[in-house]
Amino acid sequence: MNLLEHYIKEIVSVEPYEEDWTKEFDKKFLKVVVVVNCYGVVETRGTVVTENEWEIAKERGYFMW
């Protein structure tokens, strides 16, 4: 499976994600819903990422999925 850049067009929501399994880690997790564009295919995607991963994606302007 090849990873592709999914460019962030719009941030729909970002909220804390605190399910039981996240307590096993020393990181904070976020539930992120974004509108992305991948080679002309525009779609709304939701994902759970660490705060650090989210900051990197915002800075770059895309996710690698």
PDB file of N, CA and C in Angstrom:
ATOM      1  N   MET A   1       0.846  -1.176   0.000  1.00  0.00           N
ATOM      2  CA  MET A   1       0.000   0.000   0.000  1.00  0.00           C
ATOM      3  C   MET A   1       0.889   1.236   0.000  1.00  0.00           C
ATOM      4  N   ASN A   2       0.655   2.132  -0.915  1.00  0.00           N
ATOM      5  CA  ASN A   2       1.421   3.368  -0.991  1.00  0.00           C
ATOM      6  C   ASN A   2       0.777   4.448  -0.136  1.00  0.00           C
ATOM      7  N   LEU A   3       1.608   5.209   0.553  1.00  0.00           N
ATOM      8  CA  LEU A   3       1.120   6.357   1.305  1.00  0.00           C
ATOM      9  C   LEU A   3       1.013   7.548   0.367  1.00  0.00           C
ATOM     10  N   LEU A   4      -0.067   8.310   0.508  1.00  0.00           N
ATOM     11  CA  LEU A   4      -0.289   9.489  -0.329  1.00  0.00           C
ATOM     12  C   LEU A   4      -0.522  10.709   0.556  1.00  0.00           C
ATOM     13  N   GLU A   5      -0.174  11.875   0.038  1.00  0.00           N
ATOM     14  CA  GLU A   5      -0.437  13.113   0.754  1.00  0.00           C
ATOM     15  C   GLU A   5      -1.919  13.448   0.652  1.00  0.00           C
ATOM     16  N   HIS A   6      -2.540  13.655   1.798  1.00  0.00           N
ATOM     17  CA  HIS A   6      -3.930  14.103   1.862  1.00  0.00           C
ATOM     18  C   HIS A   6      -3.891  15.524   2.421  1.00  0.00           C
ATOM     19  N   TYR A   7      -4.007  16.503   1.516  1.00  0.00           N
ATOM     20  CA  TYR A   7      -3.861  17.903   1.895  1.00  0.00           C
ATOM     21  C   TYR A   7      -5.094  18.396   2.644  1.00  0.00           C
ATOM     22  N   ILE A   8      -4.857  19.076   3.750  1.00  0.00           N
ATOM     23  CA  ILE A   8      -5.937  19.588   4.592  1.00  0.00           C
ATOM     24  C   ILE A   8      -6.535  20.827   3.936  1.00  0.00           C
ATOM     25  N   LYS A   9      -7.832  20.737   3.578  1.00  0.00           N
ATOM     26  CA  LYS A   9      -8.548  21.876   3.003  1.00  0.00           C
ATOM     27  C   LYS A   9      -9.303  22.634   4.085  1.00  0.00           C
ATOM     28  N   GLU A  10      -9.834  21.887   5.055  1.00  0.00           N
ATOM     29  CA  GLU A  10     -10.651  22.504   6.101  1.00  0.00           C
ATOM     30  C   GLU A  10     -10.566  21.649   7.357  1.00  0.00           C
ATOM     31  N   ILE A  11     -10.482  22.301   8.508  1.00  0.00           N
ATOM     32  CA  ILE A  11     -10.523  21.607   9.796  1.00  0.00           C
ATOM     33  C   ILE A  11     -11.955  21.702  10.297  1.00  0.00           C
ATOM     34  N   VAL A  12     -12.627  20.556  10.396  1.00  0.00           N
ATOM     35  CA  VAL A  12     -14.024  20.522  10.826  1.00  0.00           C
ATOM     36  C   VAL A  12     -14.104  20.558  12.343  1.00  0.00           C
ATOM     37  N   SER A  13     -13.325  19.696  13.014  1.00  0.00           N
ATOM     38  CA  SER A  13     -13.325  19.680  14.480  1.00  0.00           C
ATOM     39  C   SER A  13     -12.059  19.031  15.010  1.00  0.00           C
ATOM     40  N   VAL A  14     -11.677  19.472  16.207  1.00  0.00           N
ATOM     41  CA  VAL A  14     -10.561  18.886  16.941  1.00  0.00           C
ATOM     42  C   VAL A  14     -10.996  18.843  18.394  1.00  0.00           C
ATOM     43  N   GLU A  15     -11.034  17.641  18.972  1.00  0.00           N
ATOM     44  CA  GLU A  15     -11.446  17.525  20.368  1.00  0.00           C
ATOM     45  C   GLU A  15     -10.627  16.452  21.066  1.00  0.00           C
ATOM     46  N   PRO A  16     -10.494  16.561  22.383  1.00  0.00           N
ATOM     47  CA  PRO A  16      -9.732  15.552  23.128  1.00  0.00           C
ATOM     48  C   PRO A  16     -10.361  14.168  22.975  1.00  0.00           C
ATOM     49  N   TYR A  17      -9.512  13.158  22.965  1.00  0.00           N
ATOM     50  CA  TYR A  17      -9.964  11.772  22.833  1.00  0.00           C
ATOM     51  C   TYR A  17      -9.422  11.021  24.037  1.00  0.00           C
ATOM     52  N   GLU A  18     -10.314  10.525  24.905  1.00  0.00           N
ATOM     53  CA  GLU A  18      -9.894   9.946  26.174  1.00  0.00           C
ATOM     54  C   GLU A  18     -10.516   8.574  26.430  1.00  0.00           C
ATOM     55  N   GLU A  19     -10.399   7.677  25.484  1.00  0.00           N
ATOM     56  CA  GLU A  19     -10.867   6.309  25.693  1.00  0.00           C
ATOM     57  C   GLU A  19      -9.918   5.596  26.661  1.00  0.00           C
ATOM     58  N   ASP A  20     -10.362   4.472  27.204  1.00  0.00           N
ATOM     59  CA  ASP A  20      -9.567   3.738  28.197  1.00  0.00           C
ATOM     60  C   ASP A  20      -8.186   3.361  27.688  1.00  0.00           C
ATOM     61  N   TRP A  21      -8.083   2.937  26.436  1.00  0.00           N
ATOM     62  CA  TRP A  21      -6.789   2.478  25.926  1.00  0.00           C
ATOM     63  C   TRP A  21      -5.760   3.595  25.862  1.00  0.00           C
ATOM     64  N   THR A  22      -6.194   4.856  25.810  1.00  0.00           N
ATOM     65  CA  THR A  22      -5.241   5.969  25.721  1.00  0.00           C
ATOM     66  C   THR A  22      -4.506   6.196  27.034  1.00  0.00           C
ATOM     67  N   LYS A  23      -5.050   5.703  28.135  1.00  0.00           N
ATOM     68  CA  LYS A  23      -4.421   5.886  29.444  1.00  0.00           C
ATOM     69  C   LYS A  23      -3.125   5.094  29.577  1.00  0.00           C
ATOM     70  N   GLU A  24      -2.902   4.137  28.687  1.00  0.00           N
ATOM     71  CA  GLU A  24      -1.675   3.342  28.711  1.00  0.00           C
ATOM     72  C   GLU A  24      -0.473   4.134  28.207  1.00  0.00           C
ATOM     73  N   PHE A  25      -0.707   5.295  27.620  1.00  0.00           N
ATOM     74  CA  PHE A  25       0.352   6.086  27.004  1.00  0.00           C
ATOM     75  C   PHE A  25       0.535   7.407  27.744  1.00  0.00           C
ATOM     76  N   ASP A  26       1.730   7.953  27.659  1.00  0.00           N
ATOM     77  CA  ASP A  26       2.028   9.250  28.272  1.00  0.00           C
ATOM     78  C   ASP A  26       1.808  10.386  27.285  1.00  0.00           C
ATOM     79  N   LYS A  27       0.883  10.205  26.369  1.00  0.00           N
ATOM     80  CA  LYS A  27       0.602  11.209  25.343  1.00  0.00           C
ATOM     81  C   LYS A  27      -0.872  11.564  25.390  1.00  0.00           C
ATOM     82  N   LYS A  28      -1.183  12.768  24.916  1.00  0.00           N
ATOM     83  CA  LYS A  28      -2.579  13.179  24.787  1.00  0.00           C
ATOM     84  C   LYS A  28      -3.018  12.919  23.355  1.00  0.00           C
ATOM     85  N   PHE A  29      -4.242  12.419  23.215  1.00  0.00           N
ATOM     86  CA  PHE A  29      -4.781  12.091  21.902  1.00  0.00           C
ATOM     87  C   PHE A  29      -5.905  13.055  21.540  1.00  0.00           C
ATOM     88  N   LEU A  30      -6.070  13.260  20.233  1.00  0.00           N
ATOM     89  CA  LEU A  30      -7.112  14.129  19.711  1.00  0.00           C
ATOM     90  C   LEU A  30      -7.919  13.389  18.657  1.00  0.00           C
ATOM     91  N   LYS A  31      -9.224  13.656  18.633  1.00  0.00           N
ATOM     92  CA  LYS A  31     -10.072  13.167  17.545  1.00  0.00           C
ATOM     93  C   LYS A  31     -10.219  14.330  16.570  1.00  0.00           C
ATOM     94  N   VAL A  32      -9.723  14.134  15.360  1.00  0.00           N
ATOM     95  CA  VAL A  32      -9.661  15.197  14.360  1.00  0.00           C
ATOM     96  C   VAL A  32     -10.552  14.821  13.178  1.00  0.00           C
ATOM     97  N   VAL A  33     -11.382  15.762  12.750  1.00  0.00           N
ATOM     98  CA  VAL A  33     -12.188  15.595  11.537  1.00  0.00           C
ATOM     99  C   VAL A  33     -11.776  16.712  10.581  1.00  0.00           C
ATOM    100  N   VAL A  34     -11.323  16.316   9.395  1.00  0.00           N
ATOM    101  CA  VAL A  34     -10.831  17.283   8.408  1.00  0.00           C
ATOM    102  C   VAL A  34     -11.391  16.959   7.029  1.00  0.00           C
ATOM    103  N   VAL A  35     -11.447  17.981   6.188  1.00  0.00           N
ATOM    104  CA  VAL A  35     -11.743  17.790   4.771  1.00  0.00           C
ATOM    105  C   VAL A  35     -10.391  17.782   4.077  1.00  0.00           C
ATOM    106  N   VAL A  36     -10.125  16.712   3.326  1.00  0.00           N
ATOM    107  CA  VAL A  36      -8.824  16.563   2.675  1.00  0.00           C
ATOM    108  C   VAL A  36      -8.986  16.401   1.166  1.00  0.00           C
ATOM    109  N   ASN A  37      -7.893  16.705   0.462  1.00  0.00           N
ATOM    110  CA  ASN A  37      -7.849  16.566  -0.994  1.00  0.00           C
ATOM    111  C   ASN A  37      -6.658  15.686  -1.330  1.00  0.00           C
ATOM    112  N   CYS A  38      -6.932  14.565  -1.982  1.00  0.00           N
ATOM    113  CA  CYS A  38      -5.873  13.657  -2.419  1.00  0.00           C
ATOM    114  C   CYS A  38      -6.039  13.433  -3.923  1.00  0.00           C
ATOM    115  N   TYR A  39      -5.195  14.086  -4.701  1.00  0.00           N
ATOM    116  CA  TYR A  39      -5.240  13.980  -6.161  1.00  0.00           C
ATOM    117  C   TYR A  39      -6.632  14.256  -6.715  1.00  0.00           C
ATOM    118  N   GLY A  40      -7.275  15.299  -6.193  1.00  0.00           N
ATOM    119  CA  GLY A  40      -8.574  15.721  -6.693  1.00  0.00           C
ATOM    120  C   GLY A  40      -9.760  15.055  -6.026  1.00  0.00           C
ATOM    121  N   VAL A  41      -9.530  14.057  -5.207  1.00  0.00           N
ATOM    122  CA  VAL A  41     -10.609  13.404  -4.471  1.00  0.00           C
ATOM    123  C   VAL A  41     -10.749  14.128  -3.132  1.00  0.00           C
ATOM    124  N   VAL A  42     -11.854  14.844  -2.966  1.00  0.00           N
ATOM    125  CA  VAL A  42     -12.090  15.617  -1.751  1.00  0.00           C
ATOM    126  C   VAL A  42     -13.066  14.840  -0.881  1.00  0.00           C
ATOM    127  N   GLU A  43     -12.677  14.613   0.377  1.00  0.00           N
ATOM    128  CA  GLU A  43     -13.542  13.857   1.280  1.00  0.00           C
ATOM    129  C   GLU A  43     -13.318  14.301   2.715  1.00  0.00           C
ATOM    130  N   THR A  44     -14.303  14.017   3.558  1.00  0.00           N
ATOM    131  CA  THR A  44     -14.203  14.290   4.984  1.00  0.00           C
ATOM    132  C   THR A  44     -13.703  13.028   5.665  1.00  0.00           C
ATOM    133  N   ARG A  45     -12.636  13.183   6.452  1.00  0.00           N
ATOM    134  CA  ARG A  45     -12.030  12.031   7.123  1.00  0.00           C
ATOM    135  C   ARG A  45     -11.891  12.328   8.607  1.00  0.00           C
ATOM    136  N   GLY A  46     -12.084  11.311   9.416  1.00  0.00           N
ATOM    137  CA  GLY A  46     -11.867  11.417  10.850  1.00  0.00           C
ATOM    138  C   GLY A  46     -10.742  10.489  11.258  1.00  0.00           C
ATOM    139  N   THR A  47      -9.952  10.919  12.239  1.00  0.00           N
ATOM    140  CA  THR A  47      -8.836  10.106  12.700  1.00  0.00           C
ATOM    141  C   THR A  47      -8.511  10.459  14.145  1.00  0.00           C
ATOM    142  N   VAL A  48      -7.817   9.565  14.812  1.00  0.00           N
ATOM    143  CA  VAL A  48      -7.317   9.814  16.163  1.00  0.00           C
ATOM    144  C   VAL A  48      -5.802   9.873  16.075  1.00  0.00           C
ATOM    145  N   VAL A  49      -5.231  10.986  16.551  1.00  0.00           N
ATOM    146  CA  VAL A  49      -3.786  11.198  16.483  1.00  0.00           C
ATOM    147  C   VAL A  49      -3.304  11.790  17.802  1.00  0.00           C
ATOM    148  N   THR A  50      -1.992  11.710  18.031  1.00  0.00           N
ATOM    149  CA  THR A  50      -1.428  12.383  19.197  1.00  0.00           C
ATOM    150  C   THR A  50      -1.377  13.884  18.920  1.00  0.00           C
ATOM    151  N   GLU A  51      -1.241  14.664  19.990  1.00  0.00           N
ATOM    152  CA  GLU A  51      -1.130  16.112  19.809  1.00  0.00           C
ATOM    153  C   GLU A  51       0.064  16.448  18.927  1.00  0.00           C
ATOM    154  N   ASN A  52       1.174  15.736  19.103  1.00  0.00           N
ATOM    155  CA  ASN A  52       2.379  15.983  18.318  1.00  0.00           C
ATOM    156  C   ASN A  52       2.144  15.685  16.833  1.00  0.00           C
ATOM    157  N   GLU A  53       1.498  14.555  16.540  1.00  0.00           N
ATOM    158  CA  GLU A  53       1.205  14.210  15.143  1.00  0.00           C
ATOM    159  C   GLU A  53       0.308  15.265  14.497  1.00  0.00           C
ATOM    160  N   TRP A  54      -0.647  15.790  15.266  1.00  0.00           N
ATOM    161  CA  TRP A  54      -1.551  16.808  14.750  1.00  0.00           C
ATOM    162  C   TRP A  54      -0.794  18.102  14.441  1.00  0.00           C
ATOM    163  N   GLU A  55       0.098  18.515  15.331  1.00  0.00           N
ATOM    164  CA  GLU A  55       0.884  19.729  15.099  1.00  0.00           C
ATOM    165  C   GLU A  55       1.743  19.592  13.842  1.00  0.00           C
ATOM    166  N   ILE A  56       2.336  18.427  13.645  1.00  0.00           N
ATOM    167  CA  ILE A  56       3.159  18.185  12.452  1.00  0.00           C
ATOM    168  C   ILE A  56       2.300  18.248  11.190  1.00  0.00           C
ATOM    169  N   ALA A  57       1.123  17.608  11.225  1.00  0.00           N
ATOM    170  CA  ALA A  57       0.237  17.610  10.051  1.00  0.00           C
ATOM    171  C   ALA A  57      -0.229  19.030   9.724  1.00  0.00           C
ATOM    172  N   LYS A  58      -0.567  19.813  10.748  1.00  0.00           N
ATOM    173  CA  LYS A  58      -0.994  21.201  10.508  1.00  0.00           C
ATOM    174  C   LYS A  58       0.136  22.023   9.906  1.00  0.00           C
ATOM    175  N   GLU A  59       1.341  21.832  10.431  1.00  0.00           N
ATOM    176  CA  GLU A  59       2.496  22.588   9.934  1.00  0.00           C
ATOM    177  C   GLU A  59       2.802  22.246   8.474  1.00  0.00           C
ATOM    178  N   ARG A  60       2.767  20.936   8.153  1.00  0.00           N
ATOM    179  CA  ARG A  60       3.035  20.497   6.777  1.00  0.00           C
ATOM    180  C   ARG A  60       1.878  20.819   5.846  1.00  0.00           C
ATOM    181  N   GLY A  61       0.650  20.747   6.407  1.00  0.00           N
ATOM    182  CA  GLY A  61      -0.538  20.989   5.596  1.00  0.00           C
ATOM    183  C   GLY A  61      -1.151  19.720   5.037  1.00  0.00           C
ATOM    184  N   TYR A  62      -0.645  18.561   5.434  1.00  0.00           N
ATOM    185  CA  TYR A  62      -1.197  17.300   4.939  1.00  0.00           C
ATOM    186  C   TYR A  62      -0.901  16.145   5.892  1.00  0.00           C
ATOM    187  N   PHE A  63      -1.703  15.094   5.745  1.00  0.00           N
ATOM    188  CA  PHE A  63      -1.473  13.812   6.406  1.00  0.00           C
ATOM    189  C   PHE A  63      -0.904  12.846   5.381  1.00  0.00           C
ATOM    190  N   MET A  64      -0.111  11.908   5.815  1.00  0.00           N
ATOM    191  CA  MET A  64       0.346  10.808   4.955  1.00  0.00           C
ATOM    192  C   MET A  64      -0.496   9.583   5.318  1.00  0.00           C
ATOM    193  N   TRP A  65      -1.472   9.257   4.450  1.00  0.00           N
ATOM    194  CA  TRP A  65      -2.332   8.090   4.673  1.00  0.00           C
ATOM    195  C   TRP A  65      -2.205   7.149   3.514  1.00  0.00           C
TER     196      TRP A  65
END
